[in-house]
Amino acid sequence: MIKDAPLAASRSASVKAALLKSLTLMKPHTWFAPAWAFMVGAIASHSVYFNLSAEGDVWLSILNIGKVAIGVAMAGPLLTGFSQVLNDYCDRDVDAINQPDRLIPSGKVSELQIYLTIFGLAIAALLVGLFLGPSVMLMCAVGLGLAISYSVHPLRLKRNGWIGNLTVAIAYEGLAWIAGHLTFQIPITPPSLALAIIYSLGAHGIMTINDFKSVTGDRQMGILSIPVLYGEQMAAWLAVITINAAQIIVVVLLLIWGSPIAAGVVALFTLGQWPSQIKLVKNPVNDMAVKYNIIAIPLYVWGMLAAAIGLNVL
C-alpha cells in the first residue's frame, strides 16, 4: 500500500490538473452577466419570497433563495461555461493567431477532455433546467442551441458581427432573464419581457466592445465583427449608441409604467457610463475596451436590477 501511495498521489494531481484546465476553458469571469440576468429576472417576477423575521416563513425563504442559487449556477457555470468551451474549440484557428498560448491552440488540453467538458456541461444544464421547471428547461435548450449556432459550422453565426452579437446578447441577457422569471412558475409579464428584450439589444453593444480584443485574427479569418466591418472608431460609436439607447428606452418605459424612482436610478447609472464611453470613442483600442468593461458595465447591470425592482412596485 505504501508503494501505491505515490501512484495515487500522481493520479490525484492529474485529475486536479485536468479539472483546472476545464475550469479555465469555462472562463469563470464570463459567468457573471447571465447569472445576474437570471437573478434579476427572478426579482422581476415579484415571486421570490424572502422573510426571515419572526412573522415570516423561514423554510419557504430558504427554498426560494435556493432555487435562485441553483438557477444562477445553471445560467453561469453550466450554460455560459458550455458556450465558452465550445466557442474556444471552434475558434482554435483564430486563437492560434491572436493568443497561441491558450490551452486549446497550444495543445495543452486533449480533445477528449474538451468533448467530455462540453457534453457534461450541456447535460448538467438541462437536468438543472428540468428541476426548475419544464419552461426553464426549454429556455436552457434554446440557449444551448444559440451557443451551438454561434460557434459551430456550418451556421457559425459569429462570422457576422450583427447576427452573432445579437445571438450572444439574447442568450446571455434575455433568455437568462426570462428563465429567472419562469423559475417560480409565474407567466412572464409584458413589462418583464419588454425589459428582457431591451437589455438584450443593449448588450449587443457590449458584445461589440468585447470584439476589440480579436480584431487582428478576425480580419485574417474572415470573421466580420463590427470592428472589422466598420473599423474600431465607428464600432465604438455604434456600441455606445446601442447601449445608451436601450437604457434610455428603459427609463421612458419605467416613467410610463409609474415607477419614477426606478427610472431615475437607471438614468443616473446611464449617465455614470458616459465618461468611460467618451474615452472609449476617443481611443478605441483593446486596453480602453477592457477598462470600459471594468468601470461601465457594472453600472449597466445595476441598472437592470433597479429596473426589475421598479416592476415590483407597479
C-alpha atoms as a PDB file:
ATOM      1  CA  MET A   1       0.000   0.000   0.000  1.00  0.00           C
ATOM      2  CA  ILE A   2       2.924   2.316   0.706  1.00  0.00           C
ATOM      3  CA  LYS A   3       4.215   1.700  -2.819  1.00  0.00           C
ATOM      4  CA  ASP A   4       0.791   2.608  -4.211  1.00  0.00           C
ATOM      5  CA  ALA A   5       0.747   5.963  -2.394  1.00  0.00           C
ATOM      6  CA  PRO A   6       2.928   7.862  -4.926  1.00  0.00           C
ATOM      7  CA  LEU A   7       0.819   6.453  -7.772  1.00  0.00           C
ATOM      8  CA  ALA A   8      -2.407   7.549  -6.073  1.00  0.00           C
ATOM      9  CA  ALA A   9      -0.956  10.999  -5.421  1.00  0.00           C
ATOM     10  CA  SER A  10       0.099  11.258  -9.064  1.00  0.00           C
ATOM     11  CA  ARG A  11      -3.386  10.313 -10.242  1.00  0.00           C
ATOM     12  CA  SER A  12      -4.960  12.823  -7.883  1.00  0.00           C
ATOM     13  CA  ALA A  13      -2.658  15.548  -9.183  1.00  0.00           C
ATOM     14  CA  SER A  14      -3.543  14.627 -12.778  1.00  0.00           C
ATOM     15  CA  VAL A  15      -7.270  14.810 -12.034  1.00  0.00           C
ATOM     16  CA  LYS A  16      -6.857  18.186 -10.356  1.00  0.00           C
ATOM     17  CA  ALA A  17      -4.840  19.480 -13.296  1.00  0.00           C
ATOM     18  CA  ALA A  18      -7.481  18.275 -15.750  1.00  0.00           C
ATOM     19  CA  LEU A  19     -10.290  19.870 -13.739  1.00  0.00           C
ATOM     20  CA  LEU A  20      -8.358  23.123 -13.560  1.00  0.00           C
ATOM     21  CA  LYS A  21      -7.950  23.110 -17.340  1.00  0.00           C
ATOM     22  CA  SER A  22     -11.670  22.538 -17.841  1.00  0.00           C
ATOM     23  CA  LEU A  23     -12.456  25.319 -15.386  1.00  0.00           C
ATOM     24  CA  THR A  24     -10.068  27.647 -17.214  1.00  0.00           C
ATOM     25  CA  LEU A  25     -11.781  26.870 -20.524  1.00  0.00           C
ATOM     26  CA  MET A  26     -15.146  27.677 -18.918  1.00  0.00           C
ATOM     27  CA  LYS A  27     -13.861  31.215 -18.200  1.00  0.00           C
ATOM     28  CA  PRO A  28     -15.398  31.980 -14.778  1.00  0.00           C
ATOM     29  CA  HIS A  29     -15.105  35.742 -15.397  1.00  0.00           C
ATOM     30  CA  THR A  30     -17.799  35.412 -18.111  1.00  0.00           C
ATOM     31  CA  TRP A  31     -20.374  33.794 -15.818  1.00  0.00           C
ATOM     32  CA  PHE A  32     -21.490  36.975 -14.119  1.00  0.00           C
ATOM     33  CA  ALA A  33     -23.675  38.551 -16.825  1.00  0.00           C
ATOM     34  CA  PRO A  34     -26.105  35.642 -17.428  1.00  0.00           C
ATOM     35  CA  ALA A  35     -26.095  34.670 -13.747  1.00  0.00           C
ATOM     36  CA  TRP A  36     -27.012  38.254 -12.843  1.00  0.00           C
ATOM     37  CA  ALA A  37     -29.683  38.370 -15.567  1.00  0.00           C
ATOM     38  CA  PHE A  38     -31.237  35.187 -14.152  1.00  0.00           C
ATOM     39  CA  MET A  39     -31.374  36.673 -10.666  1.00  0.00           C
ATOM     40  CA  VAL A  40     -32.804  39.945 -11.995  1.00  0.00           C
ATOM     41  CA  GLY A  41     -35.449  38.030 -13.947  1.00  0.00           C
ATOM     42  CA  ALA A  42     -36.437  36.198 -10.774  1.00  0.00           C
ATOM     43  CA  ILE A  43     -36.777  39.534  -8.965  1.00  0.00           C
ATOM     44  CA  ALA A  44     -38.849  40.913 -11.849  1.00  0.00           C
ATOM     45  CA  SER A  45     -41.319  38.043 -11.376  1.00  0.00           C
ATOM     46  CA  HIS A  46     -42.255  39.548  -7.977  1.00  0.00           C
ATOM     47  CA  SER A  47     -42.468  35.964  -6.683  1.00  0.00           C
ATOM     48  CA  VAL A  48     -39.263  35.445  -4.697  1.00  0.00           C
ATOM     49  CA  TYR A  49     -40.351  35.072  -1.079  1.00  0.00           C
ATOM     50  CA  PHE A  50     -37.750  36.119   1.493  1.00  0.00           C
ATOM     51  CA  ASN A  51     -38.692  36.944   5.043  1.00  0.00           C
ATOM     52  CA  LEU A  52     -36.511  35.797   7.940  1.00  0.00           C
ATOM     53  CA  SER A  53     -38.385  37.733  10.591  1.00  0.00           C
ATOM     54  CA  ALA A  54     -40.363  36.040  13.336  1.00  0.00           C
ATOM     55  CA  GLU A  55     -43.541  36.508  11.293  1.00  0.00           C
ATOM     56  CA  GLY A  56     -42.012  35.113   8.107  1.00  0.00           C
ATOM     57  CA  ASP A  57     -41.740  31.619   6.723  1.00  0.00           C
ATOM     58  CA  VAL A  58     -38.042  30.831   7.112  1.00  0.00           C
ATOM     59  CA  TRP A  59     -38.224  27.484   5.323  1.00  0.00           C
ATOM     60  CA  LEU A  60     -40.010  28.957   2.307  1.00  0.00           C
ATOM     61  CA  SER A  61     -37.433  31.759   2.236  1.00  0.00           C
ATOM     62  CA  ILE A  62     -34.607  29.219   2.152  1.00  0.00           C
ATOM     63  CA  LEU A  63     -36.301  27.246  -0.635  1.00  0.00           C
ATOM     64  CA  ASN A  64     -36.824  30.368  -2.735  1.00  0.00           C
ATOM     65  CA  ILE A  65     -33.253  31.592  -2.364  1.00  0.00           C
ATOM     66  CA  GLY A  66     -32.065  28.039  -3.041  1.00  0.00           C
ATOM     67  CA  LYS A  67     -33.954  27.966  -6.342  1.00  0.00           C
ATOM     68  CA  VAL A  68     -32.408  31.272  -7.357  1.00  0.00           C
ATOM     69  CA  ALA A  69     -28.937  29.989  -6.436  1.00  0.00           C
ATOM     70  CA  ILE A  70     -29.451  26.818  -8.484  1.00  0.00           C
ATOM     71  CA  GLY A  71     -30.665  28.865 -11.427  1.00  0.00           C
ATOM     72  CA  VAL A  72     -27.672  31.174 -11.152  1.00  0.00           C
ATOM     73  CA  ALA A  73     -25.414  28.106 -11.311  1.00  0.00           C
ATOM     74  CA  MET A  74     -27.282  26.909 -14.401  1.00  0.00           C
ATOM     75  CA  ALA A  75     -27.027  30.249 -16.203  1.00  0.00           C
ATOM     76  CA  GLY A  76     -23.429  30.945 -15.179  1.00  0.00           C
ATOM     77  CA  PRO A  77     -21.083  27.971 -14.760  1.00  0.00           C
ATOM     78  CA  LEU A  78     -23.114  25.442 -16.748  1.00  0.00           C
ATOM     79  CA  LEU A  79     -24.609  27.245 -19.742  1.00  0.00           C
ATOM     80  CA  THR A  80     -22.032  30.014 -20.068  1.00  0.00           C
ATOM     81  CA  GLY A  81     -19.246  27.553 -19.359  1.00  0.00           C
ATOM     82  CA  PHE A  82     -20.605  25.328 -22.130  1.00  0.00           C
ATOM     83  CA  SER A  83     -20.694  28.197 -24.613  1.00  0.00           C
ATOM     84  CA  GLN A  84     -17.162  29.315 -23.724  1.00  0.00           C
ATOM     85  CA  VAL A  85     -15.581  25.879 -24.105  1.00  0.00           C
ATOM     86  CA  LEU A  86     -17.445  25.212 -27.349  1.00  0.00           C
ATOM     87  CA  ASN A  87     -16.525  28.617 -28.752  1.00  0.00           C
ATOM     88  CA  ASP A  88     -12.848  28.230 -27.834  1.00  0.00           C
ATOM     89  CA  TYR A  89     -12.739  24.850 -29.536  1.00  0.00           C
ATOM     90  CA  CYS A  90     -14.352  26.202 -32.694  1.00  0.00           C
ATOM     91  CA  ASP A  91     -12.073  29.273 -32.533  1.00  0.00           C
ATOM     92  CA  ARG A  92      -8.851  27.312 -32.194  1.00  0.00           C
ATOM     93  CA  ASP A  93      -7.558  28.501 -35.605  1.00  0.00           C
ATOM     94  CA  VAL A  94      -8.284  32.154 -34.798  1.00  0.00           C
ATOM     95  CA  ASP A  95      -6.763  31.816 -31.329  1.00  0.00           C
ATOM     96  CA  ALA A  96      -3.639  30.301 -32.874  1.00  0.00           C
ATOM     97  CA  ILE A  97      -3.133  33.766 -34.388  1.00  0.00           C
ATOM     98  CA  ASN A  98      -4.435  36.026 -31.600  1.00  0.00           C
ATOM     99  CA  GLN A  99      -3.469  34.036 -28.494  1.00  0.00           C
ATOM    100  CA  PRO A 100      -1.422  30.947 -29.409  1.00  0.00           C
ATOM    101  CA  ASP A 101      -0.541  30.264 -25.767  1.00  0.00           C
ATOM    102  CA  ARG A 102      -4.159  29.434 -24.826  1.00  0.00           C
ATOM    103  CA  LEU A 103      -4.939  25.885 -23.777  1.00  0.00           C
ATOM    104  CA  ILE A 104      -6.539  24.596 -26.978  1.00  0.00           C
ATOM    105  CA  PRO A 105      -4.310  26.074 -29.711  1.00  0.00           C
ATOM    106  CA  SER A 106      -1.220  25.257 -27.670  1.00  0.00           C
ATOM    107  CA  GLY A 107      -2.318  21.624 -27.324  1.00  0.00           C
ATOM    108  CA  LYS A 108      -2.217  21.700 -23.525  1.00  0.00           C
ATOM    109  CA  VAL A 109      -5.649  20.079 -23.287  1.00  0.00           C
ATOM    110  CA  SER A 110      -6.762  16.972 -25.162  1.00  0.00           C
ATOM    111  CA  GLU A 111      -9.736  16.834 -27.498  1.00  0.00           C
ATOM    112  CA  LEU A 112     -11.235  14.071 -25.357  1.00  0.00           C
ATOM    113  CA  GLN A 113     -11.265  16.338 -22.326  1.00  0.00           C
ATOM    114  CA  ILE A 114     -12.817  19.131 -24.398  1.00  0.00           C
ATOM    115  CA  TYR A 115     -15.610  16.830 -25.609  1.00  0.00           C
ATOM    116  CA  LEU A 116     -16.265  15.485 -22.101  1.00  0.00           C
ATOM    117  CA  THR A 117     -16.422  19.021 -20.701  1.00  0.00           C
ATOM    118  CA  ILE A 118     -18.822  20.225 -23.401  1.00  0.00           C
ATOM    119  CA  PHE A 119     -21.222  17.286 -23.141  1.00  0.00           C
ATOM    120  CA  GLY A 120     -21.034  17.157 -19.353  1.00  0.00           C
ATOM    121  CA  LEU A 121     -21.966  20.820 -19.008  1.00  0.00           C
ATOM    122  CA  ALA A 122     -24.818  20.530 -21.530  1.00  0.00           C
ATOM    123  CA  ILE A 123     -26.385  17.526 -19.802  1.00  0.00           C
ATOM    124  CA  ALA A 124     -25.981  19.086 -16.351  1.00  0.00           C
ATOM    125  CA  ALA A 125     -27.600  22.333 -17.535  1.00  0.00           C
ATOM    126  CA  LEU A 126     -30.602  20.514 -18.995  1.00  0.00           C
ATOM    127  CA  LEU A 127     -31.084  18.467 -15.830  1.00  0.00           C
ATOM    128  CA  VAL A 128     -30.966  21.589 -13.654  1.00  0.00           C
ATOM    129  CA  GLY A 129     -33.397  23.306 -16.023  1.00  0.00           C
ATOM    130  CA  LEU A 130     -35.772  20.367 -15.752  1.00  0.00           C
ATOM    131  CA  PHE A 131     -35.536  20.528 -11.961  1.00  0.00           C
ATOM    132  CA  LEU A 132     -36.543  24.204 -12.052  1.00  0.00           C
ATOM    133  CA  GLY A 133     -39.453  23.502 -14.393  1.00  0.00           C
ATOM    134  CA  PRO A 134     -40.243  22.493 -17.998  1.00  0.00           C
ATOM    135  CA  SER A 135     -40.386  26.116 -19.166  1.00  0.00           C
ATOM    136  CA  VAL A 136     -36.952  26.806 -17.668  1.00  0.00           C
ATOM    137  CA  MET A 137     -35.571  23.685 -19.340  1.00  0.00           C
ATOM    138  CA  LEU A 138     -36.954  24.964 -22.646  1.00  0.00           C
ATOM    139  CA  MET A 139     -35.094  28.270 -22.192  1.00  0.00           C
ATOM    140  CA  CYS A 140     -32.000  26.251 -21.333  1.00  0.00           C
ATOM    141  CA  ALA A 141     -32.332  24.175 -24.513  1.00  0.00           C
ATOM    142  CA  VAL A 142     -32.809  27.310 -26.612  1.00  0.00           C
ATOM    143  CA  GLY A 143     -29.684  28.780 -25.033  1.00  0.00           C
ATOM    144  CA  LEU A 144     -27.679  25.669 -25.889  1.00  0.00           C
ATOM    145  CA  GLY A 145     -28.986  25.870 -29.440  1.00  0.00           C
ATOM    146  CA  LEU A 146     -27.960  29.512 -29.768  1.00  0.00           C
ATOM    147  CA  ALA A 147     -24.480  28.724 -28.427  1.00  0.00           C
ATOM    148  CA  ILE A 148     -24.069  25.952 -30.978  1.00  0.00           C
ATOM    149  CA  SER A 149     -25.392  28.137 -33.805  1.00  0.00           C
ATOM    150  CA  TYR A 150     -22.998  30.906 -32.807  1.00  0.00           C
ATOM    151  CA  SER A 151     -19.824  28.825 -32.835  1.00  0.00           C
ATOM    152  CA  VAL A 152     -20.239  25.650 -34.897  1.00  0.00           C
ATOM    153  CA  HIS A 153     -20.053  25.235 -38.670  1.00  0.00           C
ATOM    154  CA  PRO A 154     -21.931  25.470 -40.954  1.00  0.00           C
ATOM    155  CA  LEU A 155     -24.034  28.175 -39.256  1.00  0.00           C
ATOM    156  CA  ARG A 156     -21.270  29.832 -37.205  1.00  0.00           C
ATOM    157  CA  LEU A 157     -23.289  32.993 -36.693  1.00  0.00           C
ATOM    158  CA  LYS A 158     -20.304  34.744 -35.151  1.00  0.00           C
ATOM    159  CA  ARG A 159     -18.943  35.314 -38.665  1.00  0.00           C
ATOM    160  CA  ASN A 160     -21.343  38.252 -38.893  1.00  0.00           C
ATOM    161  CA  GLY A 161     -20.993  40.815 -36.127  1.00  0.00           C
ATOM    162  CA  TRP A 162     -24.614  41.934 -36.214  1.00  0.00           C
ATOM    163  CA  ILE A 163     -26.184  38.474 -36.051  1.00  0.00           C
ATOM    164  CA  GLY A 164     -23.525  36.869 -33.878  1.00  0.00           C
ATOM    165  CA  ASN A 165     -23.503  39.576 -31.225  1.00  0.00           C
ATOM    166  CA  LEU A 166     -27.292  39.598 -31.114  1.00  0.00           C
ATOM    167  CA  THR A 167     -27.280  35.817 -30.606  1.00  0.00           C
ATOM    168  CA  VAL A 168     -24.948  36.087 -27.625  1.00  0.00           C
ATOM    169  CA  ALA A 169     -26.810  39.076 -26.185  1.00  0.00           C
ATOM    170  CA  ILE A 170     -30.142  37.263 -26.325  1.00  0.00           C
ATOM    171  CA  ALA A 171     -28.684  34.122 -24.757  1.00  0.00           C
ATOM    172  CA  TYR A 172     -26.740  35.895 -22.001  1.00  0.00           C
ATOM    173  CA  GLU A 173     -29.325  38.518 -21.068  1.00  0.00           C
ATOM    174  CA  GLY A 174     -32.790  37.853 -22.481  1.00  0.00           C
ATOM    175  CA  LEU A 175     -33.079  34.098 -22.060  1.00  0.00           C
ATOM    176  CA  ALA A 176     -31.438  34.192 -18.644  1.00  0.00           C
ATOM    177  CA  TRP A 177     -33.849  36.936 -17.511  1.00  0.00           C
ATOM    178  CA  ILE A 178     -36.876  35.007 -18.825  1.00  0.00           C
ATOM    179  CA  ALA A 179     -35.667  31.756 -17.219  1.00  0.00           C
ATOM    180  CA  GLY A 180     -35.310  33.534 -13.878  1.00  0.00           C
ATOM    181  CA  HIS A 181     -38.836  34.896 -14.165  1.00  0.00           C
ATOM    182  CA  LEU A 182     -40.266  31.480 -15.088  1.00  0.00           C
ATOM    183  CA  THR A 183     -38.468  29.652 -12.284  1.00  0.00           C
ATOM    184  CA  PHE A 184     -41.283  30.478  -9.882  1.00  0.00           C
ATOM    185  CA  GLN A 185     -43.954  29.198 -12.271  1.00  0.00           C
ATOM    186  CA  ILE A 186     -45.238  32.710 -12.930  1.00  0.00           C
ATOM    187  CA  PRO A 187     -46.094  33.531 -16.572  1.00  0.00           C
ATOM    188  CA  ILE A 188     -43.824  36.282 -17.766  1.00  0.00           C
ATOM    189  CA  THR A 189     -45.484  39.675 -17.794  1.00  0.00           C
ATOM    190  CA  PRO A 190     -45.300  42.052 -20.792  1.00  0.00           C
ATOM    191  CA  PRO A 191     -43.180  44.635 -18.869  1.00  0.00           C
ATOM    192  CA  SER A 192     -40.712  41.973 -17.734  1.00  0.00           C
ATOM    193  CA  LEU A 193     -40.484  40.532 -21.245  1.00  0.00           C
ATOM    194  CA  ALA A 194     -40.006  44.019 -22.678  1.00  0.00           C
ATOM    195  CA  LEU A 195     -37.095  44.740 -20.336  1.00  0.00           C
ATOM    196  CA  ALA A 196     -35.525  41.368 -21.119  1.00  0.00           C
ATOM    197  CA  ILE A 197     -35.618  42.177 -24.838  1.00  0.00           C
ATOM    198  CA  ILE A 198     -34.415  45.774 -24.470  1.00  0.00           C
ATOM    199  CA  TYR A 199     -31.486  44.887 -22.223  1.00  0.00           C
ATOM    200  CA  SER A 200     -30.574  42.102 -24.679  1.00  0.00           C
ATOM    201  CA  LEU A 201     -30.459  44.627 -27.508  1.00  0.00           C
ATOM    202  CA  GLY A 202     -28.329  46.922 -25.381  1.00  0.00           C
ATOM    203  CA  ALA A 203     -25.955  44.048 -24.664  1.00  0.00           C
ATOM    204  CA  HIS A 204     -25.284  43.879 -28.405  1.00  0.00           C
ATOM    205  CA  GLY A 205     -23.130  46.970 -27.872  1.00  0.00           C
ATOM    206  CA  ILE A 206     -21.268  45.261 -25.047  1.00  0.00           C
ATOM    207  CA  MET A 207     -20.528  42.308 -27.321  1.00  0.00           C
ATOM    208  CA  THR A 208     -19.140  44.743 -29.916  1.00  0.00           C
ATOM    209  CA  ILE A 209     -16.743  46.193 -27.353  1.00  0.00           C
ATOM    210  CA  ASN A 210     -15.604  42.683 -26.445  1.00  0.00           C
ATOM    211  CA  ASP A 211     -14.720  42.099 -30.110  1.00  0.00           C
ATOM    212  CA  PHE A 212     -11.921  44.684 -29.910  1.00  0.00           C
ATOM    213  CA  LYS A 213      -9.606  42.077 -28.439  1.00  0.00           C
ATOM    214  CA  SER A 214      -9.614  39.836 -31.527  1.00  0.00           C
ATOM    215  CA  VAL A 215      -9.647  42.261 -34.467  1.00  0.00           C
ATOM    216  CA  THR A 216      -6.368  41.024 -35.976  1.00  0.00           C
ATOM    217  CA  GLY A 217      -7.317  37.368 -36.017  1.00  0.00           C
ATOM    218  CA  ASP A 218     -10.895  38.106 -37.096  1.00  0.00           C
ATOM    219  CA  ARG A 219      -9.629  40.005 -40.138  1.00  0.00           C
ATOM    220  CA  GLN A 220      -7.328  37.173 -41.141  1.00  0.00           C
ATOM    221  CA  MET A 221     -10.004  34.501 -40.657  1.00  0.00           C
ATOM    222  CA  GLY A 222     -12.793  36.425 -42.401  1.00  0.00           C
ATOM    223  CA  ILE A 223     -14.927  36.926 -39.291  1.00  0.00           C
ATOM    224  CA  LEU A 224     -16.923  40.097 -39.920  1.00  0.00           C
ATOM    225  CA  SER A 225     -17.165  41.512 -36.420  1.00  0.00           C
ATOM    226  CA  ILE A 226     -18.395  45.087 -36.045  1.00  0.00           C
ATOM    227  CA  PRO A 227     -14.835  46.459 -35.580  1.00  0.00           C
ATOM    228  CA  VAL A 228     -13.711  44.567 -38.686  1.00  0.00           C
ATOM    229  CA  LEU A 229     -16.692  45.772 -40.740  1.00  0.00           C
ATOM    230  CA  TYR A 230     -16.533  49.448 -39.785  1.00  0.00           C
ATOM    231  CA  GLY A 231     -13.228  49.992 -38.019  1.00  0.00           C
ATOM    232  CA  GLU A 232     -12.668  50.468 -34.313  1.00  0.00           C
ATOM    233  CA  GLN A 233     -13.747  54.120 -34.231  1.00  0.00           C
ATOM    234  CA  MET A 234     -17.152  53.563 -35.802  1.00  0.00           C
ATOM    235  CA  ALA A 235     -17.604  50.312 -33.846  1.00  0.00           C
ATOM    236  CA  ALA A 236     -17.091  52.212 -30.595  1.00  0.00           C
ATOM    237  CA  TRP A 237     -19.717  54.766 -31.613  1.00  0.00           C
ATOM    238  CA  LEU A 238     -22.197  52.054 -32.613  1.00  0.00           C
ATOM    239  CA  ALA A 239     -21.594  50.234 -29.334  1.00  0.00           C
ATOM    240  CA  VAL A 240     -22.171  53.202 -27.018  1.00  0.00           C
ATOM    241  CA  ILE A 241     -25.198  54.393 -29.011  1.00  0.00           C
ATOM    242  CA  THR A 242     -26.752  50.928 -28.754  1.00  0.00           C
ATOM    243  CA  ILE A 243     -26.034  50.649 -25.034  1.00  0.00           C
ATOM    244  CA  ASN A 244     -27.396  54.106 -24.254  1.00  0.00           C
ATOM    245  CA  ALA A 245     -30.463  53.811 -26.481  1.00  0.00           C
ATOM    246  CA  ALA A 246     -31.545  50.663 -24.650  1.00  0.00           C
ATOM    247  CA  GLN A 247     -31.188  52.295 -21.239  1.00  0.00           C
ATOM    248  CA  ILE A 248     -32.974  55.477 -22.297  1.00  0.00           C
ATOM    249  CA  ILE A 249     -35.892  53.399 -23.572  1.00  0.00           C
ATOM    250  CA  VAL A 250     -35.999  51.598 -20.207  1.00  0.00           C
ATOM    251  CA  VAL A 251     -36.116  54.954 -18.389  1.00  0.00           C
ATOM    252  CA  VAL A 252     -39.002  56.139 -20.569  1.00  0.00           C
ATOM    253  CA  LEU A 253     -40.935  52.881 -20.074  1.00  0.00           C
ATOM    254  CA  LEU A 254     -40.485  52.976 -16.302  1.00  0.00           C
ATOM    255  CA  LEU A 255     -41.844  56.508 -16.262  1.00  0.00           C
ATOM    256  CA  ILE A 256     -44.823  55.433 -18.354  1.00  0.00           C
ATOM    257  CA  TRP A 257     -45.408  52.454 -16.039  1.00  0.00           C
ATOM    258  CA  GLY A 258     -45.429  54.715 -12.981  1.00  0.00           C
ATOM    259  CA  SER A 259     -42.013  53.879 -11.469  1.00  0.00           C
ATOM    260  CA  PRO A 260     -40.241  57.266 -11.388  1.00  0.00           C
ATOM    261  CA  ILE A 261     -37.737  56.291  -8.678  1.00  0.00           C
ATOM    262  CA  ALA A 262     -36.536  53.254 -10.640  1.00  0.00           C
ATOM    263  CA  ALA A 263     -36.433  55.403 -13.783  1.00  0.00           C
ATOM    264  CA  GLY A 264     -34.281  57.974 -12.001  1.00  0.00           C
ATOM    265  CA  VAL A 265     -31.867  55.337 -10.717  1.00  0.00           C
ATOM    266  CA  VAL A 266     -31.464  53.807 -14.187  1.00  0.00           C
ATOM    267  CA  ALA A 267     -30.918  57.303 -15.621  1.00  0.00           C
ATOM    268  CA  LEU A 268     -28.169  58.017 -13.080  1.00  0.00           C
ATOM    269  CA  PHE A 269     -26.453  54.700 -13.845  1.00  0.00           C
ATOM    270  CA  THR A 270     -26.648  55.553 -17.552  1.00  0.00           C
ATOM    271  CA  LEU A 271     -25.078  58.972 -17.020  1.00  0.00           C
ATOM    272  CA  GLY A 272     -22.346  57.335 -14.963  1.00  0.00           C
ATOM    273  CA  GLN A 273     -21.238  55.352 -18.014  1.00  0.00           C
ATOM    274  CA  TRP A 274     -20.737  58.394 -20.226  1.00  0.00           C
ATOM    275  CA  PRO A 275     -17.190  59.360 -19.091  1.00  0.00           C
ATOM    276  CA  SER A 276     -15.916  55.872 -19.938  1.00  0.00           C
ATOM    277  CA  GLN A 277     -17.815  55.921 -23.216  1.00  0.00           C
ATOM    278  CA  ILE A 278     -16.240  59.232 -24.221  1.00  0.00           C
ATOM    279  CA  LYS A 279     -12.765  57.840 -23.509  1.00  0.00           C
ATOM    280  CA  LEU A 280     -13.539  54.686 -25.496  1.00  0.00           C
ATOM    281  CA  VAL A 281     -14.759  56.625 -28.532  1.00  0.00           C
ATOM    282  CA  LYS A 282     -11.704  58.894 -28.439  1.00  0.00           C
ATOM    283  CA  ASN A 283      -9.277  55.986 -28.097  1.00  0.00           C
ATOM    284  CA  PRO A 284     -10.967  52.781 -29.364  1.00  0.00           C
ATOM    285  CA  VAL A 285      -8.264  50.235 -28.562  1.00  0.00           C
ATOM    286  CA  ASN A 286      -8.424  46.944 -26.694  1.00  0.00           C
ATOM    287  CA  ASP A 287      -6.882  48.306 -23.484  1.00  0.00           C
ATOM    288  CA  MET A 288      -9.539  51.011 -23.328  1.00  0.00           C
ATOM    289  CA  ALA A 289     -12.254  48.419 -24.037  1.00  0.00           C
ATOM    290  CA  VAL A 290     -11.004  46.378 -21.072  1.00  0.00           C
ATOM    291  CA  LYS A 291     -11.140  49.449 -18.819  1.00  0.00           C
ATOM    292  CA  TYR A 292     -14.627  50.211 -20.082  1.00  0.00           C
ATOM    293  CA  ASN A 293     -15.818  46.726 -19.168  1.00  0.00           C
ATOM    294  CA  ILE A 294     -14.422  47.114 -15.660  1.00  0.00           C
ATOM    295  CA  ILE A 295     -15.868  50.591 -14.995  1.00  0.00           C
ATOM    296  CA  ALA A 296     -19.030  50.990 -17.076  1.00  0.00           C
ATOM    297  CA  ILE A 297     -20.566  47.534 -17.445  1.00  0.00           C
ATOM    298  CA  PRO A 298     -21.273  47.206 -13.687  1.00  0.00           C
ATOM    299  CA  LEU A 299     -23.396  50.361 -13.952  1.00  0.00           C
ATOM    300  CA  TYR A 300     -25.345  48.817 -16.834  1.00  0.00           C
ATOM    301  CA  VAL A 301     -26.137  45.660 -14.867  1.00  0.00           C
ATOM    302  CA  TRP A 302     -27.016  47.588 -11.691  1.00  0.00           C
ATOM    303  CA  GLY A 303     -29.490  49.458 -13.854  1.00  0.00           C
ATOM    304  CA  MET A 304     -31.033  46.126 -14.799  1.00  0.00           C
ATOM    305  CA  LEU A 305     -31.591  45.368 -11.122  1.00  0.00           C
ATOM    306  CA  ALA A 306     -33.133  48.789 -10.495  1.00  0.00           C
ATOM    307  CA  ALA A 307     -35.492  48.302 -13.436  1.00  0.00           C
ATOM    308  CA  ALA A 308     -36.546  44.853 -12.206  1.00  0.00           C
ATOM    309  CA  ILE A 309     -37.256  46.208  -8.725  1.00  0.00           C
ATOM    310  CA  GLY A 310     -39.228  49.008 -10.369  1.00  0.00           C
ATOM    311  CA  LEU A 311     -41.536  46.410 -11.916  1.00  0.00           C
ATOM    312  CA  ASN A 312     -42.383  45.160  -8.457  1.00  0.00           C
ATOM    313  CA  VAL A 313     -43.945  48.439  -7.471  1.00  0.00           C
ATOM    314  CA  LEU A 314     -46.298  48.553 -10.463  1.00  0.00           C
END
